[in-house]
Amino acid sequence: MNTAKNITIVLWVVLGLNFLFFGNVFLNYFALALLAIHAVECIVFYKKISASEDNLIYGFVQTLIFGVLYIKDLNK
């Protein structure tokens, strides 16, 4: 796993902890926007995700977490 993916995981953990415990509204909206953008990526890159060797659900989860960092690693 590369550094960018590690940073992304740390970001999601921080945003998740903020949602559960701290409740900073700005960070909650940021997490929601990030999740919405990644959901759009799932729609835009559906053919590429479904053509990959990975399970379709696994591909969607990876895209929701990592976004383009996962998409660029898929076989062309």
N, C-alpha and C. Protein backbone atom coordinates (compact mmCIF):
# COMPACT_ATOMS: atom_id res chain seq x y z
N MET A 1 0.86 -1.17 0.00
CA MET A 1 0.00 0.00 0.00
C MET A 1 0.90 1.24 0.00
N ASN A 2 0.59 2.17 -0.86
CA ASN A 2 1.44 3.35 -0.98
C ASN A 2 1.08 4.43 0.05
N THR A 3 1.88 5.45 0.08
CA THR A 3 1.72 6.52 1.07
C THR A 3 0.40 7.26 0.91
N ALA A 4 -0.01 7.50 -0.32
CA ALA A 4 -1.26 8.23 -0.55
C ALA A 4 -2.46 7.47 0.02
N LYS A 5 -2.46 6.15 -0.14
CA LYS A 5 -3.56 5.35 0.41
C LYS A 5 -3.53 5.35 1.93
N ASN A 6 -2.34 5.32 2.51
CA ASN A 6 -2.23 5.39 3.97
C ASN A 6 -2.76 6.71 4.50
N ILE A 7 -2.44 7.80 3.82
CA ILE A 7 -2.94 9.11 4.23
C ILE A 7 -4.46 9.16 4.10
N THR A 8 -4.99 8.55 3.05
CA THR A 8 -6.44 8.51 2.85
C THR A 8 -7.13 7.75 3.98
N ILE A 9 -6.54 6.64 4.39
CA ILE A 9 -7.11 5.86 5.50
C ILE A 9 -7.10 6.69 6.78
N VAL A 10 -6.01 7.38 7.05
CA VAL A 10 -5.93 8.24 8.24
C VAL A 10 -7.00 9.34 8.17
N LEU A 11 -7.18 9.93 6.98
CA LEU A 11 -8.20 10.96 6.81
C LEU A 11 -9.59 10.42 7.13
N TRP A 12 -9.94 9.24 6.60
CA TRP A 12 -11.26 8.66 6.86
C TRP A 12 -11.43 8.31 8.34
N VAL A 13 -10.36 7.84 8.99
CA VAL A 13 -10.45 7.53 10.42
C VAL A 13 -10.71 8.81 11.22
N VAL A 14 -9.99 9.88 10.89
CA VAL A 14 -10.19 11.16 11.59
C VAL A 14 -11.60 11.68 11.36
N LEU A 15 -12.08 11.60 10.12
CA LEU A 15 -13.44 12.06 9.83
C LEU A 15 -14.49 11.19 10.53
N GLY A 16 -14.24 9.89 10.61
CA GLY A 16 -15.16 9.00 11.32
C GLY A 16 -15.19 9.29 12.81
N LEU A 17 -14.02 9.50 13.40
CA LEU A 17 -13.96 9.83 14.83
C LEU A 17 -14.63 11.18 15.10
N ASN A 18 -14.44 12.12 14.20
CA ASN A 18 -15.11 13.42 14.35
C ASN A 18 -16.61 13.24 14.32
N PHE A 19 -17.10 12.42 13.42
CA PHE A 19 -18.54 12.19 13.33
C PHE A 19 -19.08 11.54 14.60
N LEU A 20 -18.32 10.59 15.15
CA LEU A 20 -18.79 9.85 16.33
C LEU A 20 -18.68 10.64 17.63
N PHE A 21 -17.60 11.40 17.79
CA PHE A 21 -17.32 11.99 19.10
C PHE A 21 -17.36 13.51 19.15
N PHE A 22 -16.74 14.17 18.20
CA PHE A 22 -16.53 15.61 18.33
C PHE A 22 -17.65 16.44 17.70
N GLY A 23 -18.10 16.05 16.56
CA GLY A 23 -19.23 16.72 15.95
C GLY A 23 -18.95 18.06 15.32
N ASN A 24 -17.73 18.30 14.84
CA ASN A 24 -17.44 19.52 14.11
C ASN A 24 -18.23 19.49 12.81
N VAL A 25 -19.14 20.41 12.64
CA VAL A 25 -20.06 20.40 11.50
C VAL A 25 -19.31 20.55 10.18
N PHE A 26 -18.29 21.40 10.14
CA PHE A 26 -17.52 21.59 8.91
C PHE A 26 -16.90 20.27 8.45
N LEU A 27 -16.30 19.53 9.37
CA LEU A 27 -15.68 18.25 9.00
C LEU A 27 -16.72 17.21 8.60
N ASN A 28 -17.89 17.27 9.21
CA ASN A 28 -18.96 16.35 8.80
C ASN A 28 -19.42 16.64 7.37
N TYR A 29 -19.56 17.91 7.03
CA TYR A 29 -19.93 18.27 5.66
C TYR A 29 -18.81 17.91 4.67
N PHE A 30 -17.57 18.07 5.10
CA PHE A 30 -16.43 17.69 4.25
C PHE A 30 -16.46 16.19 3.98
N ALA A 31 -16.72 15.39 5.01
CA ALA A 31 -16.80 13.94 4.83
C ALA A 31 -17.96 13.56 3.91
N LEU A 32 -19.08 14.22 4.07
CA LEU A 32 -20.24 13.96 3.21
C LEU A 32 -19.94 14.33 1.76
N ALA A 33 -19.28 15.45 1.54
CA ALA A 33 -18.91 15.86 0.18
C ALA A 33 -17.91 14.88 -0.43
N LEU A 34 -16.95 14.44 0.36
CA LEU A 34 -15.96 13.47 -0.12
C LEU A 34 -16.63 12.15 -0.49
N LEU A 35 -17.56 11.72 0.33
CA LEU A 35 -18.29 10.49 0.04
C LEU A 35 -19.14 10.64 -1.22
N ALA A 36 -19.76 11.80 -1.39
CA ALA A 36 -20.57 12.04 -2.60
C ALA A 36 -19.71 12.06 -3.86
N ILE A 37 -18.55 12.67 -3.77
CA ILE A 37 -17.64 12.70 -4.92
C ILE A 37 -17.20 11.29 -5.29
N HIS A 38 -16.89 10.48 -4.29
CA HIS A 38 -16.47 9.10 -4.56
C HIS A 38 -17.63 8.27 -5.09
N ALA A 39 -18.85 8.57 -4.68
CA ALA A 39 -20.02 7.86 -5.22
C ALA A 39 -20.19 8.20 -6.70
N VAL A 40 -19.95 9.45 -7.06
CA VAL A 40 -20.00 9.83 -8.48
C VAL A 40 -18.90 9.11 -9.25
N GLU A 41 -17.74 8.95 -8.65
CA GLU A 41 -16.66 8.19 -9.30
C GLU A 41 -17.09 6.75 -9.55
N CYS A 42 -17.85 6.17 -8.64
CA CYS A 42 -18.35 4.80 -8.84
C CYS A 42 -19.22 4.74 -10.08
N ILE A 43 -20.02 5.76 -10.30
CA ILE A 43 -20.90 5.79 -11.48
C ILE A 43 -20.09 6.03 -12.75
N VAL A 44 -19.18 7.00 -12.69
CA VAL A 44 -18.39 7.35 -13.87
C VAL A 44 -17.49 6.20 -14.31
N PHE A 45 -16.87 5.53 -13.35
CA PHE A 45 -15.92 4.47 -13.66
C PHE A 45 -16.52 3.07 -13.51
N TYR A 46 -17.85 2.96 -13.63
CA TYR A 46 -18.52 1.67 -13.45
C TYR A 46 -17.97 0.60 -14.39
N LYS A 47 -17.79 0.93 -15.66
CA LYS A 47 -17.31 -0.07 -16.62
C LYS A 47 -15.91 -0.54 -16.27
N LYS A 48 -15.06 0.38 -15.86
CA LYS A 48 -13.69 0.02 -15.49
C LYS A 48 -13.67 -0.84 -14.23
N ILE A 49 -14.53 -0.51 -13.26
CA ILE A 49 -14.60 -1.29 -12.03
C ILE A 49 -15.15 -2.68 -12.31
N SER A 50 -16.20 -2.77 -13.12
CA SER A 50 -16.81 -4.07 -13.40
C SER A 50 -15.92 -4.93 -14.29
N ALA A 51 -15.05 -4.32 -15.09
CA ALA A 51 -14.15 -5.08 -15.96
C ALA A 51 -12.91 -5.56 -15.22
N SER A 52 -12.69 -5.07 -14.02
CA SER A 52 -11.50 -5.48 -13.27
C SER A 52 -11.66 -6.90 -12.74
N GLU A 53 -10.57 -7.47 -12.28
CA GLU A 53 -10.59 -8.83 -11.75
C GLU A 53 -11.21 -8.88 -10.36
N ASP A 54 -11.34 -7.74 -9.71
CA ASP A 54 -11.91 -7.70 -8.36
C ASP A 54 -13.42 -7.89 -8.41
N ASN A 55 -13.96 -8.31 -7.28
CA ASN A 55 -15.41 -8.40 -7.11
C ASN A 55 -16.00 -7.00 -7.27
N LEU A 56 -17.20 -6.90 -7.82
CA LEU A 56 -17.82 -5.60 -8.08
C LEU A 56 -18.05 -4.82 -6.78
N ILE A 57 -18.54 -5.49 -5.75
CA ILE A 57 -18.77 -4.82 -4.46
C ILE A 57 -17.44 -4.35 -3.87
N TYR A 58 -16.43 -5.20 -3.95
CA TYR A 58 -15.09 -4.83 -3.46
C TYR A 58 -14.58 -3.59 -4.21
N GLY A 59 -14.79 -3.56 -5.51
CA GLY A 59 -14.36 -2.41 -6.30
C GLY A 59 -15.08 -1.13 -5.90
N PHE A 60 -16.39 -1.24 -5.64
CA PHE A 60 -17.14 -0.06 -5.20
C PHE A 60 -16.67 0.42 -3.83
N VAL A 61 -16.43 -0.50 -2.91
CA VAL A 61 -15.96 -0.11 -1.57
C VAL A 61 -14.58 0.55 -1.67
N GLN A 62 -13.70 -0.04 -2.47
CA GLN A 62 -12.37 0.55 -2.65
C GLN A 62 -12.47 1.94 -3.27
N THR A 63 -13.38 2.11 -4.21
CA THR A 63 -13.56 3.42 -4.84
C THR A 63 -14.13 4.43 -3.84
N LEU A 64 -15.06 4.00 -3.00
CA LEU A 64 -15.61 4.91 -1.98
C LEU A 64 -14.54 5.32 -0.97
N ILE A 65 -13.60 4.44 -0.70
CA ILE A 65 -12.54 4.77 0.26
C ILE A 65 -11.42 5.56 -0.40
N PHE A 66 -10.90 5.04 -1.51
CA PHE A 66 -9.69 5.62 -2.10
C PHE A 66 -9.93 6.48 -3.34
N GLY A 67 -11.07 6.35 -3.97
CA GLY A 67 -11.35 7.16 -5.16
C GLY A 67 -10.43 6.84 -6.31
N VAL A 68 -9.85 7.87 -6.90
CA VAL A 68 -9.00 7.69 -8.07
C VAL A 68 -7.73 6.92 -7.75
N LEU A 69 -7.33 6.88 -6.50
CA LEU A 69 -6.14 6.09 -6.15
C LEU A 69 -6.37 4.61 -6.43
N TYR A 70 -7.60 4.15 -6.28
CA TYR A 70 -7.93 2.76 -6.62
C TYR A 70 -8.14 2.62 -8.12
N ILE A 71 -8.82 3.56 -8.73
CA ILE A 71 -9.15 3.48 -10.15
C ILE A 71 -7.89 3.43 -11.00
N LYS A 72 -6.89 4.23 -10.66
CA LYS A 72 -5.68 4.27 -11.49
C LYS A 72 -4.88 2.98 -11.41
N ASP A 73 -5.08 2.18 -10.36
CA ASP A 73 -4.36 0.92 -10.22
C ASP A 73 -5.03 -0.24 -10.95
N LEU A 74 -6.24 -0.03 -11.47
CA LEU A 74 -6.93 -1.10 -12.17
C LEU A 74 -6.26 -1.39 -13.51
N ASN A 75 -6.40 -2.63 -13.96
CA ASN A 75 -5.85 -3.00 -15.26
C ASN A 75 -6.58 -2.26 -16.36
N LYS A 76 -5.86 -1.89 -17.37
CA LYS A 76 -6.47 -1.12 -18.47
C LYS A 76 -6.97 -2.04 -19.55
